């Protein structure tokens, strides 16, 4: 959208020939189309979960968290549901 505003400013500041203006409009339209494609890729990508989000530097592993949950459940006296 910034590109559109910049083009508008350019058109106001200098006189362009019709062909120059059409060329600039085509460039802006192409940039907008590329941006829309990029947004579509981002929105259509599946959400990253589990190990895809975990880094190698995680302090606790999944099994460590599971053990911690079981310990807390024992302390609370609630049975673990599988």
N, C-alpha and C. Protein backbone atom coordinates (compact mmCIF):
# COMPACT_ATOMS: atom_id res chain seq x y z
N UNK A 1 0.82 -1.18 0.00
CA UNK A 1 0.00 0.00 0.00
C UNK A 1 0.87 1.26 0.00
N UNK A 2 2.04 1.16 0.60
CA UNK A 2 2.95 2.30 0.59
C UNK A 2 3.35 2.64 -0.84
N UNK A 3 3.51 1.60 -1.66
CA UNK A 3 3.90 1.81 -3.04
C UNK A 3 2.85 2.60 -3.80
N UNK A 4 1.59 2.33 -3.51
CA UNK A 4 0.50 3.05 -4.16
C UNK A 4 0.55 4.53 -3.77
N UNK A 5 0.79 4.78 -2.49
CA UNK A 5 0.88 6.17 -2.03
C UNK A 5 2.08 6.87 -2.66
N UNK A 6 3.19 6.16 -2.76
CA UNK A 6 4.38 6.74 -3.38
C UNK A 6 4.11 7.08 -4.84
N UNK A 7 3.43 6.20 -5.53
CA UNK A 7 3.10 6.46 -6.94
C UNK A 7 2.20 7.68 -7.04
N UNK A 8 1.23 7.79 -6.15
CA UNK A 8 0.36 8.97 -6.16
C UNK A 8 1.14 10.24 -5.94
N UNK A 9 2.11 10.21 -5.02
CA UNK A 9 2.96 11.38 -4.79
C UNK A 9 3.78 11.72 -6.03
N UNK A 10 4.31 10.71 -6.69
CA UNK A 10 5.10 10.94 -7.90
C UNK A 10 4.24 11.56 -9.00
N UNK A 11 3.03 11.05 -9.12
CA UNK A 11 2.15 11.57 -10.16
C UNK A 11 1.80 13.04 -9.89
N UNK A 12 1.68 13.40 -8.64
CA UNK A 12 1.37 14.78 -8.29
C UNK A 12 2.56 15.72 -8.48
N UNK A 13 3.77 15.21 -8.30
CA UNK A 13 4.96 16.05 -8.34
C UNK A 13 5.50 16.30 -9.75
N UNK A 14 5.33 15.35 -10.62
CA UNK A 14 5.90 15.54 -11.95
C UNK A 14 4.90 15.13 -13.03
N UNK A 15 5.13 15.67 -14.16
CA UNK A 15 4.28 15.33 -15.30
C UNK A 15 4.82 14.06 -15.95
N UNK A 16 3.95 13.13 -16.15
CA UNK A 16 4.33 11.89 -16.80
C UNK A 16 3.58 11.77 -18.11
N UNK A 17 4.22 11.09 -19.01
CA UNK A 17 3.50 10.77 -20.23
C UNK A 17 2.52 9.66 -19.90
N UNK A 18 1.58 9.47 -20.76
CA UNK A 18 0.58 8.43 -20.54
C UNK A 18 1.25 7.07 -20.42
N UNK A 19 2.21 6.79 -21.28
CA UNK A 19 2.88 5.48 -21.26
C UNK A 19 3.70 5.29 -19.98
N UNK A 20 4.34 6.35 -19.48
CA UNK A 20 5.09 6.26 -18.24
C UNK A 20 4.16 5.98 -17.06
N UNK A 21 3.02 6.67 -17.05
CA UNK A 21 2.06 6.47 -15.98
C UNK A 21 1.50 5.04 -16.01
N UNK A 22 1.19 4.54 -17.19
CA UNK A 22 0.68 3.17 -17.31
C UNK A 22 1.74 2.16 -16.88
N UNK A 23 2.98 2.42 -17.22
CA UNK A 23 4.07 1.53 -16.83
C UNK A 23 4.20 1.50 -15.30
N UNK A 24 4.15 2.67 -14.67
CA UNK A 24 4.24 2.75 -13.22
C UNK A 24 3.05 2.04 -12.57
N UNK A 25 1.87 2.23 -13.11
CA UNK A 25 0.68 1.56 -12.58
C UNK A 25 0.81 0.04 -12.71
N UNK A 26 1.33 -0.41 -13.81
CA UNK A 26 1.51 -1.85 -14.02
C UNK A 26 2.51 -2.41 -13.01
N UNK A 27 3.58 -1.67 -12.73
CA UNK A 27 4.57 -2.12 -11.75
C UNK A 27 3.96 -2.22 -10.36
N UNK A 28 3.18 -1.23 -9.99
CA UNK A 28 2.53 -1.24 -8.68
C UNK A 28 1.54 -2.40 -8.60
N UNK A 29 0.78 -2.60 -9.66
CA UNK A 29 -0.19 -3.70 -9.68
C UNK A 29 0.52 -5.05 -9.53
N UNK A 30 1.66 -5.20 -10.17
CA UNK A 30 2.43 -6.45 -10.08
C UNK A 30 2.95 -6.65 -8.66
N UNK A 31 3.43 -5.59 -8.04
CA UNK A 31 3.91 -5.70 -6.66
C UNK A 31 2.78 -6.08 -5.71
N UNK A 32 1.62 -5.49 -5.90
CA UNK A 32 0.46 -5.82 -5.07
C UNK A 32 0.04 -7.28 -5.27
N UNK A 33 0.08 -7.74 -6.50
CA UNK A 33 -0.29 -9.12 -6.79
C UNK A 33 0.68 -10.08 -6.11
N UNK A 34 1.99 -9.76 -6.16
CA UNK A 34 2.98 -10.60 -5.50
C UNK A 34 2.78 -10.62 -3.99
N UNK A 35 2.44 -9.46 -3.43
CA UNK A 35 2.20 -9.37 -2.00
C UNK A 35 0.98 -10.20 -1.60
N UNK A 36 -0.06 -10.15 -2.40
CA UNK A 36 -1.26 -10.95 -2.12
C UNK A 36 -0.95 -12.44 -2.19
N UNK A 37 -0.13 -12.85 -3.16
CA UNK A 37 0.26 -14.26 -3.26
C UNK A 37 1.02 -14.69 -2.02
N UNK A 38 1.91 -13.84 -1.54
CA UNK A 38 2.69 -14.16 -0.35
C UNK A 38 1.79 -14.31 0.87
N UNK A 39 0.81 -13.41 1.02
CA UNK A 39 -0.14 -13.51 2.13
C UNK A 39 -0.97 -14.78 2.01
N UNK A 40 -1.34 -15.14 0.80
CA UNK A 40 -2.13 -16.36 0.60
C UNK A 40 -1.32 -17.59 1.01
N UNK A 41 -0.04 -17.59 0.70
CA UNK A 41 0.82 -18.72 1.10
C UNK A 41 0.89 -18.82 2.61
N UNK A 42 1.05 -17.68 3.26
CA UNK A 42 1.15 -17.68 4.72
C UNK A 42 -0.14 -18.18 5.35
N UNK A 43 -1.26 -17.71 4.84
CA UNK A 43 -2.55 -18.10 5.41
C UNK A 43 -2.90 -19.56 5.13
N UNK A 44 -2.44 -20.11 4.01
CA UNK A 44 -2.79 -21.49 3.67
C UNK A 44 -1.84 -22.51 4.26
N UNK A 45 -0.71 -22.07 4.80
CA UNK A 45 0.25 -22.99 5.41
C UNK A 45 -0.35 -23.57 6.68
N UNK A 46 -0.13 -24.86 6.91
CA UNK A 46 -0.66 -25.46 8.14
C UNK A 46 0.05 -24.87 9.36
N UNK A 47 -0.66 -24.76 10.46
CA UNK A 47 -0.02 -24.21 11.66
C UNK A 47 1.09 -25.13 12.14
N UNK A 48 2.14 -24.53 12.62
CA UNK A 48 3.27 -25.31 13.12
C UNK A 48 3.00 -25.67 14.57
N UNK A 49 3.12 -26.96 14.87
CA UNK A 49 2.87 -27.42 16.23
C UNK A 49 3.95 -28.40 16.64
N UNK A 50 3.93 -28.74 17.89
CA UNK A 50 4.81 -29.77 18.41
C UNK A 50 6.27 -29.52 18.14
N UNK A 51 6.91 -30.49 17.58
CA UNK A 51 8.36 -30.42 17.36
C UNK A 51 8.75 -29.36 16.33
N UNK A 52 7.82 -29.01 15.44
CA UNK A 52 8.13 -27.98 14.46
C UNK A 52 8.40 -26.64 15.13
N UNK A 53 7.77 -26.42 16.29
CA UNK A 53 7.98 -25.18 17.02
C UNK A 53 9.14 -25.29 18.02
N UNK A 54 9.43 -26.49 18.46
CA UNK A 54 10.44 -26.67 19.48
C UNK A 54 11.84 -26.47 18.92
N UNK A 55 12.66 -25.81 19.69
CA UNK A 55 14.05 -25.64 19.27
C UNK A 55 14.90 -26.68 19.98
N UNK A 56 16.10 -26.87 19.54
CA UNK A 56 16.99 -27.83 20.15
C UNK A 56 17.45 -27.40 21.52
N UNK A 57 17.21 -26.18 21.92
CA UNK A 57 17.66 -25.67 23.21
C UNK A 57 16.59 -25.72 24.28
N UNK A 58 15.50 -26.46 24.05
CA UNK A 58 14.42 -26.52 25.04
C UNK A 58 14.93 -27.15 26.33
N UNK A 59 14.55 -26.54 27.45
CA UNK A 59 15.02 -27.02 28.75
C UNK A 59 14.34 -28.32 29.13
N UNK A 60 13.08 -28.50 28.73
CA UNK A 60 12.33 -29.69 29.11
C UNK A 60 11.81 -30.39 27.86
N UNK A 61 11.94 -31.70 27.87
CA UNK A 61 11.42 -32.48 26.76
C UNK A 61 9.96 -32.81 27.02
N UNK A 62 9.32 -33.38 26.03
CA UNK A 62 7.91 -33.76 26.19
C UNK A 62 7.74 -34.79 27.30
N UNK A 63 8.67 -35.74 27.37
CA UNK A 63 8.56 -36.76 28.43
C UNK A 63 8.78 -36.13 29.80
N UNK A 64 9.66 -35.15 29.89
CA UNK A 64 9.88 -34.45 31.15
C UNK A 64 8.64 -33.71 31.60
N UNK A 65 7.97 -33.08 30.66
CA UNK A 65 6.72 -32.38 30.98
C UNK A 65 5.65 -33.37 31.41
N UNK A 66 5.60 -34.52 30.74
CA UNK A 66 4.61 -35.54 31.10
C UNK A 66 4.83 -36.01 32.53
N UNK A 67 6.08 -36.26 32.89
CA UNK A 67 6.40 -36.71 34.25
C UNK A 67 6.03 -35.63 35.27
N UNK A 68 6.28 -34.39 34.92
CA UNK A 68 5.95 -33.28 35.82
C UNK A 68 4.43 -33.20 36.02
N UNK A 69 3.67 -33.39 34.94
CA UNK A 69 2.21 -33.37 35.04
C UNK A 69 1.71 -34.50 35.93
N UNK A 70 2.28 -35.69 35.76
CA UNK A 70 1.87 -36.84 36.56
C UNK A 70 2.17 -36.59 38.04
N UNK A 71 3.32 -36.01 38.32
CA UNK A 71 3.69 -35.71 39.69
C UNK A 71 2.72 -34.71 40.32
N UNK A 72 2.36 -33.69 39.58
CA UNK A 72 1.42 -32.70 40.07
C UNK A 72 0.04 -33.31 40.30
N UNK A 73 -0.37 -34.20 39.39
CA UNK A 73 -1.67 -34.85 39.54
C UNK A 73 -1.68 -35.72 40.80
N UNK A 74 -0.57 -36.41 41.09
CA UNK A 74 -0.49 -37.23 42.30
C UNK A 74 -0.61 -36.34 43.54
N UNK A 75 0.06 -35.20 43.50
CA UNK A 75 0.02 -34.28 44.64
C UNK A 75 -1.39 -33.76 44.86
N UNK A 76 -2.12 -33.54 43.78
CA UNK A 76 -3.48 -33.01 43.88
C UNK A 76 -4.47 -34.12 44.20
N UNK A 77 -4.08 -35.37 44.00
CA UNK A 77 -4.96 -36.49 44.27
C UNK A 77 -5.96 -36.75 43.16
N UNK A 78 -5.71 -36.22 41.97
CA UNK A 78 -6.63 -36.46 40.85
C UNK A 78 -6.05 -37.55 39.97
N UNK A 79 -6.88 -38.49 39.56
CA UNK A 79 -6.40 -39.56 38.69
C UNK A 79 -6.08 -39.04 37.29
N UNK A 80 -5.12 -39.65 36.67
CA UNK A 80 -4.70 -39.28 35.31
C UNK A 80 -5.65 -39.91 34.32
N UNK A 81 -6.14 -39.10 33.38
CA UNK A 81 -7.03 -39.61 32.34
C UNK A 81 -6.21 -39.84 31.09
N UNK A 82 -6.36 -41.01 30.47
CA UNK A 82 -5.59 -41.34 29.26
C UNK A 82 -6.45 -41.23 28.05
